[in-house]
Protein backbone atom coordinates (compact mmCIF):
# COMPACT_ATOMS: atom_id res chain seq x y z
CA UNK A 1 0.05 0.16 0.27
CA UNK A 2 1.20 3.55 -0.51
CA UNK A 3 0.30 6.96 1.01
CA UNK A 4 -0.10 10.30 -0.30
CA UNK A 5 2.40 12.86 0.45
CA UNK A 6 0.01 14.39 3.14
CA UNK A 7 -0.65 10.69 5.03
CA UNK A 8 3.91 10.58 4.81
CA UNK A 9 3.69 14.09 6.73
CA UNK A 10 0.94 13.11 9.34
CA UNK A 11 3.03 9.95 10.00
CA UNK A 12 5.92 11.28 9.65
CA UNK A 13 5.12 13.76 12.26
CA UNK A 14 4.76 11.20 14.33
CA UNK A 15 8.15 9.67 14.20
CA UNK A 16 9.25 13.28 14.69
CA UNK A 17 7.76 13.75 18.23
CA UNK A 18 8.71 10.27 19.27
CA UNK A 19 12.15 11.38 18.23
CA UNK A 20 12.41 14.22 20.23
CA UNK A 21 11.15 12.94 22.95
CA UNK A 22 14.30 10.12 22.58
CA UNK A 23 16.67 13.56 22.09
CA UNK A 24 15.44 14.51 25.93
CA UNK A 25 15.86 11.25 27.53
CA UNK A 26 19.45 10.70 26.05
CA UNK A 27 20.52 14.44 27.68
CA UNK A 28 18.97 13.56 31.09
CA UNK A 29 22.01 12.58 33.74
CA UNK A 30 22.06 8.98 34.92
CA UNK A 31 24.16 7.37 37.67
CA UNK A 32 26.75 4.93 36.46
CA UNK A 33 25.26 1.96 37.08
CA UNK A 34 22.53 2.42 35.44
CA UNK A 35 24.59 3.23 31.96
CA UNK A 36 26.11 -0.22 32.85
CA UNK A 37 22.71 -1.99 33.16
CA UNK A 38 21.67 -0.38 29.75
CA UNK A 39 25.08 -1.69 27.58
CA UNK A 40 24.68 -5.26 28.95
CA UNK A 41 20.83 -5.10 27.85
CA UNK A 42 21.72 -3.79 24.71
CA UNK A 43 24.46 -6.32 24.19
CA UNK A 44 21.71 -9.18 24.71
CA UNK A 45 19.48 -7.66 22.45
CA UNK A 46 22.17 -7.42 19.54
CA UNK A 47 22.44 -11.84 20.87
CA UNK A 48 19.09 -12.25 20.26
CA UNK A 49 19.06 -10.67 16.86
CA UNK A 50 21.71 -12.78 15.59
CA UNK A 51 20.65 -15.78 17.17
CA UNK A 52 17.02 -15.32 15.13
CA UNK A 53 18.40 -14.49 11.92
CA UNK A 54 20.97 -17.46 12.08
CA UNK A 55 18.07 -19.41 12.97
CA UNK A 56 15.82 -18.94 10.15
CA UNK A 57 18.45 -19.93 8.25
CA UNK A 58 18.03 -22.98 9.13
CA UNK A 59 13.99 -23.11 8.70
CA UNK A 60 14.37 -21.50 4.76
CA UNK A 61 10.89 -23.40 4.38
CA UNK A 62 9.38 -21.67 7.48
CA UNK A 63 10.13 -18.47 6.69
CA UNK A 64 9.42 -18.53 2.68
CA UNK A 65 5.65 -19.53 3.42
CA UNK A 66 5.49 -16.65 5.71
CA UNK A 67 6.57 -14.16 3.01
CA UNK A 68 5.22 -15.48 -0.09
CA UNK A 69 1.93 -15.91 1.37
CA UNK A 70 0.36 -13.09 -0.61
CA UNK A 71 4.23 -11.40 -2.12
CA UNK A 72 4.32 -7.99 -4.68
CA UNK A 73 4.96 -9.38 -7.58
CA UNK A 74 4.65 -6.06 -9.78
CA UNK A 75 1.87 -6.58 -12.30
CA UNK A 76 1.74 -4.78 -15.56
CA UNK A 77 -1.32 -3.61 -17.01
CA UNK A 78 -2.16 -3.99 -20.25
CA UNK A 79 -3.40 -1.06 -21.97
CA UNK A 80 -4.39 0.15 -25.31
CA UNK A 81 -6.96 -1.13 -27.63
CA UNK A 82 -9.12 -3.70 -27.00
CA UNK A 83 -8.24 -4.19 -23.16
CA UNK A 84 -9.47 -2.85 -20.21
CA UNK A 85 -8.93 0.46 -19.08
CA UNK A 86 -8.34 1.53 -15.76
CA UNK A 87 -10.49 3.57 -13.35
CA UNK A 88 -9.29 5.88 -10.34
CA UNK A 89 -12.00 6.00 -7.69
CA UNK A 90 -12.33 8.78 -5.06
CA UNK A 91 -14.37 7.48 -1.55
CA UNK A 92 -15.33 10.04 0.15
CA UNK A 93 -16.51 10.03 3.82
CA UNK A 94 -17.12 11.73 7.00
CA UNK A 95 -16.97 10.36 10.84
CA UNK A 96 -18.25 7.39 11.19
CA UNK A 97 -18.02 6.67 7.72
CA UNK A 98 -14.39 4.02 8.01
CA UNK A 99 -16.53 1.06 7.53
CA UNK A 100 -18.88 2.11 5.00
CA UNK A 101 -15.79 2.94 2.57
CA UNK A 102 -13.88 -0.23 3.00
CA UNK A 103 -17.01 -2.33 2.25
CA UNK A 104 -17.34 0.19 -0.70
CA UNK A 105 -13.82 -0.29 -1.44
CA UNK A 106 -13.64 -4.12 -1.36
CA UNK A 107 -17.19 -3.72 -3.91
CA UNK A 108 -15.05 -1.99 -6.28
CA UNK A 109 -11.69 -3.63 -5.98
CA UNK A 110 -10.15 -4.66 -8.95
CA UNK A 111 -6.34 -5.03 -8.97
CA UNK A 112 -6.67 -3.05 -12.67
CA UNK A 113 -8.16 0.29 -11.32
CA UNK A 114 -6.70 2.91 -8.38
CA UNK A 115 -8.22 3.85 -5.58
CA UNK A 116 -8.20 7.08 -2.94
CA UNK A 117 -9.57 7.10 0.16
CA UNK A 118 -10.24 9.92 1.99
CA UNK A 119 -12.41 10.80 5.33
CA UNK A 120 -13.13 14.89 5.84
CA UNK A 121 -12.10 17.19 8.26
CA UNK A 122 -15.31 16.14 10.30
CA UNK A 123 -13.51 12.35 11.14
CA UNK A 124 -10.92 12.21 14.08
CA UNK A 125 -7.28 11.72 13.76
CA UNK A 126 -7.82 8.28 15.15
CA UNK A 127 -10.55 7.16 12.85
CA UNK A 128 -8.09 8.26 9.65
CA UNK A 129 -5.73 6.23 11.36
CA UNK A 130 -7.69 3.16 11.59
CA UNK A 131 -8.99 3.67 8.17
CA UNK A 132 -5.09 3.73 6.62
CA UNK A 133 -4.16 0.51 8.65
CA UNK A 134 -7.05 -1.46 7.96
CA UNK A 135 -6.31 -1.30 4.16
CA UNK A 136 -2.00 -1.94 4.72
CA UNK A 137 -3.00 -4.89 6.66
CA UNK A 138 -5.32 -6.25 4.23
CA UNK A 139 -3.48 -8.75 2.25
CA UNK A 140 -4.78 -7.99 -1.29
CA UNK A 141 -4.41 -4.26 -0.91
CA UNK A 142 -0.77 -4.73 -0.11
CA UNK A 143 -0.28 -6.91 -2.51
CA UNK A 144 -1.16 -4.96 -5.45
CA UNK A 145 0.09 -1.39 -3.94
CA UNK A 146 -2.79 0.31 -5.92
CA UNK A 147 -4.92 1.68 -2.19
CA UNK A 148 -4.22 4.97 -0.84
CA UNK A 149 -5.49 7.04 2.31
CA UNK A 150 -5.27 11.04 2.38
CA UNK A 151 -4.47 11.86 5.88
CA UNK A 152 -5.27 15.53 6.04
CA UNK A 153 -8.55 16.64 4.99
CA UNK A 154 -10.62 19.86 4.85
CA UNK A 155 -14.65 20.36 5.83
CA UNK A 156 -16.58 19.35 2.97
CA UNK A 157 -19.94 20.93 2.27
CA UNK A 158 -21.98 19.28 -0.28
CA UNK A 159 -23.46 21.90 -1.33
CA UNK A 160 -20.71 24.45 -1.19
CA UNK A 161 -17.28 25.18 -3.49
CA UNK A 162 -15.50 23.02 -0.92
CA UNK A 163 -16.55 19.84 -2.43
CA UNK A 164 -15.13 20.80 -5.22
CA UNK A 165 -12.03 21.72 -4.54
CA UNK A 166 -11.68 18.29 -2.54
CA UNK A 167 -12.67 17.07 -5.86
CA UNK A 168 -10.06 18.49 -8.16
CA UNK A 169 -7.63 17.55 -5.77
CA UNK A 170 -8.34 14.21 -4.90
CA UNK A 171 -7.80 14.16 -8.94
CA UNK A 172 -3.89 16.18 -8.63
CA UNK A 173 -3.08 13.42 -6.65
CA UNK A 174 -3.97 10.78 -8.87
CA UNK A 175 -2.14 12.46 -11.70
CA UNK A 176 0.66 12.71 -9.08
CA UNK A 177 0.69 9.36 -7.73
CA UNK A 178 -0.07 7.76 -11.42
CA UNK A 179 -0.93 8.80 -14.59
CA UNK A 180 -2.12 5.47 -16.27
CA UNK A 181 -5.46 5.82 -15.02
CA UNK A 182 -8.00 6.28 -18.05
CA UNK A 183 -11.48 7.56 -15.90
CA UNK A 184 -11.74 9.42 -12.83
CA UNK A 185 -15.07 8.36 -10.45
CA UNK A 186 -15.59 10.33 -7.25
CA UNK A 187 -17.99 7.93 -4.63
CA UNK A 188 -19.33 9.20 -1.32
CA UNK A 189 -19.35 6.44 1.63
CA UNK A 190 -23.13 6.07 0.76
CA UNK A 191 -22.86 4.79 -2.57
CA UNK A 192 -22.03 0.94 -4.12
CA UNK A 193 -21.94 -0.99 -7.10
CA UNK A 194 -24.57 -2.37 -8.56
CA UNK A 195 -22.60 -4.62 -11.09
CA UNK A 196 -18.81 -5.87 -10.94
CA UNK A 197 -16.19 -4.43 -11.98
CA UNK A 198 -15.18 -7.43 -14.51
CA UNK A 199 -18.71 -5.96 -16.20
CA UNK A 200 -18.02 -2.36 -16.00
CA UNK A 201 -14.84 -2.90 -17.08
CA UNK A 202 -15.67 -4.75 -19.84
CA UNK A 203 -18.25 -2.12 -21.13
CA UNK A 204 -15.81 0.65 -21.12
CA UNK A 205 -13.31 -1.28 -23.27
CA UNK A 206 -14.85 -0.86 -26.61
CA UNK A 207 -15.31 2.96 -25.93
CA UNK A 208 -12.57 5.70 -26.86
CA UNK A 209 -10.84 7.22 -23.86
CA UNK A 210 -11.89 10.88 -24.77
CA UNK A 211 -15.40 9.87 -23.43
CA UNK A 212 -16.80 12.43 -20.61
CA UNK A 213 -19.89 10.73 -19.11
CA UNK A 214 -22.04 13.45 -17.25
CA UNK A 215 -25.70 14.27 -17.08
CA UNK A 216 -26.73 17.38 -18.37
CA UNK A 217 -30.49 18.91 -16.59
CA UNK A 218 -33.35 20.31 -18.11
CA UNK A 219 -33.53 23.28 -15.98
CA UNK A 220 -35.27 26.27 -17.44
CA UNK A 221 -33.34 29.25 -17.38
CA UNK A 222 -35.00 30.81 -14.73
CA UNK A 223 -34.42 28.43 -12.72
CA UNK A 224 -30.82 28.09 -13.05
CA UNK A 225 -30.29 31.98 -13.26
CA UNK A 226 -31.91 32.13 -9.36
CA UNK A 227 -29.41 29.75 -8.51
CA UNK A 228 -26.27 30.80 -10.20
CA UNK A 229 -27.06 34.26 -9.16
CA UNK A 230 -27.31 33.66 -5.69
CA UNK A 231 -24.13 34.28 -3.95
CA UNK A 232 -22.64 32.49 -0.60
CA UNK A 233 -19.54 31.73 1.10
CA UNK A 234 -18.53 28.12 1.95
CA UNK A 235 -16.79 28.16 5.49
CA UNK A 236 -14.86 25.00 4.62
CA UNK A 237 -12.65 26.85 2.33
CA UNK A 238 -11.29 28.56 5.03
CA UNK A 239 -12.47 26.94 8.26
CA UNK A 240 -11.34 24.08 10.56
CA UNK A 241 -14.51 22.81 11.29
CA UNK A 242 -17.85 22.51 8.93
CA UNK A 243 -20.27 25.61 9.31
CA UNK A 244 -23.30 26.35 7.34
CA UNK A 245 -23.20 28.50 4.21
CA UNK A 246 -23.17 31.84 4.48
CA UNK A 247 -25.55 33.39 1.78
CA UNK A 248 -25.36 37.10 0.66
CA UNK A 249 -28.31 40.13 0.40
CA UNK A 250 -27.05 41.01 -3.02
CA UNK A 251 -27.19 38.91 -6.17
CA UNK A 252 -24.74 39.10 -8.90
CA UNK A 253 -25.57 39.53 -12.92
CA UNK A 254 -25.38 37.04 -15.41
CA UNK A 255 -21.76 36.65 -17.04
CA UNK A 256 -21.41 36.92 -20.29
CA UNK A 257 -17.90 35.98 -21.22
CA UNK A 258 -18.95 32.09 -21.08
CA UNK A 259 -22.28 29.86 -21.18
CA UNK A 260 -23.09 28.50 -17.99
CA UNK A 261 -24.83 24.43 -17.68
CA UNK A 262 -26.07 22.18 -15.09
CA UNK A 263 -26.14 18.77 -14.72
CA UNK A 264 -26.14 15.92 -12.07
CA UNK A 265 -23.42 16.43 -9.63
CA UNK A 266 -22.48 12.61 -10.31
CA UNK A 267 -19.84 12.50 -13.18
CA UNK A 268 -17.36 10.21 -15.05
CA UNK A 269 -14.68 12.32 -16.54
CA UNK A 270 -11.17 11.95 -18.76
CA UNK A 271 -8.05 11.64 -17.13
CA UNK A 272 -6.96 14.29 -20.10
CA UNK A 273 -9.89 16.29 -19.23
CA UNK A 274 -9.13 16.10 -15.58
CA UNK A 275 -5.96 17.23 -16.13
CA UNK A 276 -7.35 20.20 -18.47
CA UNK A 277 -9.41 21.38 -15.13
CA UNK A 278 -6.47 21.51 -13.07
CA UNK A 279 -3.88 22.51 -15.45
CA UNK A 280 -6.12 25.32 -17.02
CA UNK A 281 -3.23 26.21 -19.80
CA UNK A 282 -5.59 28.59 -21.66
CA UNK A 283 -7.49 29.75 -18.34
CA UNK A 284 -10.70 29.06 -18.69
CA UNK A 285 -10.87 26.38 -15.82
CA UNK A 286 -9.31 28.71 -13.38
CA UNK A 287 -11.97 31.50 -14.36
CA UNK A 288 -14.75 29.36 -13.84
CA UNK A 289 -13.47 27.71 -10.60
CA UNK A 290 -13.36 31.42 -9.21
CA UNK A 291 -16.72 32.60 -10.32
CA UNK A 292 -18.08 28.89 -9.07
CA UNK A 293 -16.32 29.19 -5.97
CA UNK A 294 -19.48 31.70 -4.80
CA UNK A 295 -21.87 29.52 -5.49
CA UNK A 296 -24.62 26.81 -4.62
CA UNK A 297 -24.05 22.97 -5.56
CA UNK A 298 -20.87 24.15 -7.77
CA UNK A 299 -20.82 20.35 -8.84
CA UNK A 300 -23.94 20.72 -10.82
CA UNK A 301 -22.36 23.49 -12.95
CA UNK A 302 -18.14 23.83 -13.04
CA UNK A 303 -17.62 20.91 -14.68
CA UNK A 304 -20.64 21.31 -17.54
CA UNK A 305 -19.68 24.56 -17.75
CA UNK A 306 -15.83 23.70 -18.12
CA UNK A 307 -16.27 21.00 -20.96
CA UNK A 308 -19.25 23.45 -23.20
CA UNK A 309 -17.00 26.58 -23.36
CA UNK A 310 -13.84 24.40 -24.30
CA UNK A 311 -13.37 23.96 -28.02
CA UNK A 312 -11.10 20.90 -26.83
CA UNK A 313 -13.87 18.72 -24.91
CA UNK A 314 -16.90 20.10 -26.87
CA UNK A 315 -18.00 17.38 -28.24
CA UNK A 316 -16.61 14.73 -26.01
CA UNK A 317 -19.46 14.38 -23.57
CA UNK A 318 -22.39 11.31 -23.21
CA UNK A 319 -25.32 12.70 -21.68
CA UNK A 320 -25.48 9.65 -18.48
CA UNK A 321 -24.07 9.52 -15.61
CA UNK A 322 -24.45 6.13 -15.20
CA UNK A 323 -26.10 6.30 -11.84
CA UNK A 324 -29.13 5.39 -10.46
CA UNK A 325 -31.94 7.73 -8.41
CA UNK A 326 -34.84 7.56 -7.27
CA UNK A 327 -37.32 9.69 -8.90
CA UNK A 328 -39.49 11.80 -5.72
CA UNK A 329 -42.58 12.77 -6.70
CA UNK A 330 -42.63 15.59 -5.10
CA UNK A 331 -39.22 16.09 -4.82
CA UNK A 332 -37.71 16.38 -1.29
CA UNK A 333 -34.91 18.25 0.34
CA UNK A 334 -33.94 15.64 2.31
CA UNK A 335 -31.93 12.71 0.74
CA UNK A 336 -34.37 9.54 -0.47
CA UNK A 337 -32.72 6.32 0.99
CA UNK A 338 -33.23 2.71 -0.42
CA UNK A 339 -35.36 0.05 0.47
CA UNK A 340 -36.08 -3.26 -0.30
CA UNK A 341 -39.03 -2.18 -2.36
CA UNK A 342 -36.23 -0.07 -4.64
CA UNK A 343 -34.41 -3.33 -5.56
CA UNK A 344 -36.20 -4.81 -8.49
CA UNK A 345 -36.00 -1.80 -10.01
CA UNK A 346 -32.32 -1.09 -9.48
CA UNK A 347 -31.44 -4.16 -10.59
CA UNK A 348 -33.05 -3.80 -13.85
CA UNK A 349 -32.04 0.65 -13.95
CA UNK A 350 -28.97 -1.38 -16.48
CA UNK A 351 -26.83 1.31 -14.29
CA UNK A 352 -23.14 1.19 -12.77
CA UNK A 353 -24.15 2.96 -9.46
CA UNK A 354 -26.59 4.25 -7.19
CA UNK A 355 -26.17 6.24 -3.81
CA UNK A 356 -27.54 7.03 -0.62
CA UNK A 357 -27.49 3.81 1.07
CA UNK A 358 -27.53 3.73 4.75
CA UNK A 359 -25.09 2.05 6.67
CA UNK A 360 -25.52 -2.52 6.65
CA UNK A 361 -28.80 -1.51 4.49
CA UNK A 362 -30.31 -4.98 3.55
CA UNK A 363 -30.15 -4.01 0.12
CA UNK A 364 -26.52 -3.67 0.22
CA UNK A 365 -26.82 -7.16 1.19
CA UNK A 366 -29.14 -8.97 -1.29
CA UNK A 367 -26.86 -6.86 -4.40
CA UNK A 368 -23.64 -8.63 -2.37
CA UNK A 369 -25.55 -11.76 -2.54
CA UNK A 370 -27.02 -11.91 -5.96
CA UNK A 371 -25.07 -8.99 -7.96
CA UNK A 372 -21.70 -8.84 -6.97
CA UNK A 373 -21.64 -12.41 -4.87
CA UNK A 374 -19.30 -11.15 -2.66
CA UNK A 375 -18.63 -12.99 0.83
CA UNK A 376 -18.68 -11.91 3.63
CA UNK A 377 -16.34 -8.62 4.33
CA UNK A 378 -14.79 -10.38 1.57
CA UNK A 379 -13.74 -9.22 -2.37
CA UNK A 380 -15.37 -9.84 -5.62
CA UNK A 381 -14.09 -12.51 -7.12
CA UNK A 382 -12.60 -12.55 -10.97
CA UNK A 383 -10.16 -14.09 -13.31
CA UNK A 384 -7.69 -12.25 -11.17
CA UNK A 385 -8.80 -13.93 -7.73
CA UNK A 386 -8.91 -17.61 -7.96
CA UNK A 387 -10.07 -20.03 -5.23
CA UNK A 388 -8.59 -23.57 -4.32
CA UNK A 389 -10.75 -26.01 -3.34
CA UNK A 390 -9.95 -25.21 0.12
CA UNK A 391 -11.24 -21.57 -0.53
CA UNK A 392 -14.47 -22.79 -1.72
CA UNK A 393 -15.60 -24.31 1.37
CA UNK A 394 -14.40 -21.24 3.55
CA UNK A 395 -16.38 -18.83 1.24
CA UNK A 396 -19.30 -19.10 3.99
CA UNK A 397 -16.66 -17.85 6.48
CA UNK A 398 -16.52 -14.42 7.75
CA UNK A 399 -12.89 -14.37 7.61
CA UNK A 400 -10.99 -13.13 4.68
CA UNK A 401 -7.69 -14.54 5.50
CA UNK A 402 -7.94 -17.44 3.37
CA UNK A 403 -10.49 -15.98 -0.17
CA UNK A 404 -8.29 -14.32 -2.90
CA UNK A 405 -5.07 -16.50 -1.78
CA UNK A 406 -4.31 -17.24 -5.61
CA UNK A 407 -3.43 -14.55 -8.41
CA UNK A 408 -4.59 -14.50 -11.79
CA UNK A 409 -4.59 -12.60 -14.59
CA UNK A 410 -5.42 -8.87 -13.69
CA UNK A 411 -5.61 -8.27 -17.28
CA UNK A 412 -8.00 -10.70 -18.37
CA UNK A 413 -12.12 -9.89 -16.63
CA UNK A 414 -15.02 -11.94 -17.16
CA UNK A 415 -18.39 -9.66 -17.89
CA UNK A 416 -21.79 -11.32 -17.22
CA UNK A 417 -24.90 -10.35 -18.64
CA UNK A 418 -24.99 -7.00 -16.93
CA UNK A 419 -21.67 -6.04 -18.74
CA UNK A 420 -23.10 -7.72 -21.85
CA UNK A 421 -25.69 -5.53 -21.90
CA UNK A 422 -24.57 -2.51 -20.48
CA UNK A 423 -21.98 -2.09 -23.38
CA UNK A 424 -24.03 -2.40 -26.41
CA UNK A 425 -26.16 0.27 -24.86
CA UNK A 426 -23.68 2.85 -24.48
CA UNK A 427 -21.84 1.64 -27.75
CA UNK A 428 -25.16 3.17 -29.19
CA UNK A 429 -25.64 6.19 -26.84
CA UNK A 430 -22.01 7.00 -28.47
CA UNK A 431 -22.80 6.30 -32.16
CA UNK A 432 -25.92 8.44 -31.62
CA UNK A 433 -23.83 11.52 -29.65
CA UNK A 434 -20.92 11.26 -32.14
CA UNK A 435 -23.52 11.82 -35.27
CA UNK A 436 -24.09 14.97 -33.37
CA UNK A 437 -22.07 18.28 -33.93
CA UNK A 438 -22.64 19.34 -30.18
CA UNK A 439 -24.05 18.10 -26.95
CA UNK A 440 -23.44 21.33 -25.09
CA UNK A 441 -27.06 22.29 -26.59
CA UNK A 442 -29.03 22.80 -22.88
CA UNK A 443 -28.67 25.94 -21.52
C-alpha cells in the first residue's frame, strides 16, 4: 500500500515527535550503574537478534511460507485498444464512515484500478489512522499496492465549493501518484456498485477513451439563473470545522464571457479532461473555478460549464452518468434512502452505481449476495482472484484470510449479462452522440 504525501507527513509527524522525546531522554543525567545495565541490555538484545537471524537460515521453508502468502510482484497493466481501461476511484466520507468506505472499497476492488480513500475534517485523527491501518493490513491491497489514503482533509459541504476543491485535489493526487488511469470516478461512502468491476471494465473496453459521462439537466433558464446569481461563501474553504454556508443579500448579474450549464453532480470524467481542469493552460478552468467558488452546488455547474466552453472538449460529452436515482414526486429536500421495494428497479436499471444507502442496509446485502457474489467482508472474485477447493469450502466464513489467496491474470476480465448489456447500450449511445455536432445544447 502506498500513502500519499499528506499521509506521509502525518505519519512522519508522529515519528519526529517520538524522536524528540528520545533526544530529551538521552541528555538527562543518569548514574553510572544505570549506564552499565543499559549497555548489558543492549548487548543481550543484539545477541538475540543475531541468534534469530542465524536460526532462520536453518528453517527456510517456514520463512518462505510466511513471506509468500501473498508476495508483491510487479503487475503490468496491459493498456491500449481492446484491453480493459483503468478507473481511478475517489471514495470520500465523513465522521463514522470508515467501515462504509472499507465495504465500498471491497465491493469495487480490482487490481487494474486505483483507489484513493478520504475522510473529511469531521473525522478524528484516530479514525483516519484506523482506516489507513485497515487498508495496510489487508493482504490483497498490500500485494497490488493500488490503494492510497489521504491523511489530511478539509471540511466538506456538499452544497458549497469546498467539495469542488476536494474533488479537484483528489484528481491532482491521482495524477501525482500515477498517470496510467483512464477515467476518474468520485463516489461517497453512501454509494455502492450494482454491477461487478468485470462488467463495468468490459463495457468501457470498446469505448473511445476521450468520452466524458456527464448528465445535463433540463432545468429552465429562470431557475438556473436564480441559483447562479445567488452569492454564497463556504466556510469550509478557510475554517477547520464544518459550518453552514453563508448567503449574501446581494446577487450578481449573468456572465457574458461564457455560457453556464447545469446537471448532475455525479460524473465519470477522463484523465485528459481532469488534467485540463487542474492545469488550465488557457485559463478557462481557473476563471470558472473563481466564479463558481461563490455559487450554490458548484458540482452541478463547474465541470459541465468547463466542458461546454472549451473547444477541445466540446464534443466529448455523453449525456449520462450511469447512476441510478430514486425519482421523488414531489421532490424532497432530504435524501431519499433505498429500501427493498426499490430493489427490482435498481437491478433492472442497467446503471453502474446507486447512492444514499444506509450502513448495513438490507439492499446492500442483497446486492452482495445476488449481483456481486461477494462473501461477507470479502472481495468480488474475478479472473484475477482464484480460489482453491479449500477456499471454496471456506467462502461462507466471515474471515477473508483464505479468500482470493491465489492470483490470476489482472488483464483478463469475465463479464456477466449486465456487462454485455451495458456495453451494447453505451455503444449505441456513443454512436448517436458522435453523430451530433455538439452535446452542449442545453442552457
